[in-house]
């Protein structure tokens, strides 16, 4: 294997390891859920993506076979991590934050979209209750 290819793969593995370590450290050390969401969704996703790309390059160049498994895992990870973080953040806001007291005013005539009712004439429901409650 050429030196340049080995260097690129090594750099991707080191970058992936550093981002994964930083993301894991942030997940453990940051104080609340909304701050902790950034660590695994940004740093760890980039870290795992870099390691998967390094693996894909290694097997493509070393073995001569291109496998699509790592590429599909990377695409799936990059698509699902932000959506999952958005849903976790919205659930946290609905269950733990009072929009009138704890959120700043949006500066618009509308409020925060997470707290807007689906039908404007329908009164907002208690987000902490399940439908059968």
Foldseek 3Di string as FASTA:
>chain_A
DDPVLVVQLVVLQVQLVVLLVQLVVQLPPPDDDLSNLCSCLPSNLSSLLSNLVSVQSCCCVVVVDGDCVSVVVNVVSNVPSVVVSVVVVLLCCLAPPDQVPHPDAPPDPDGDPSQQDPDNVDDGDRSVDDPVD
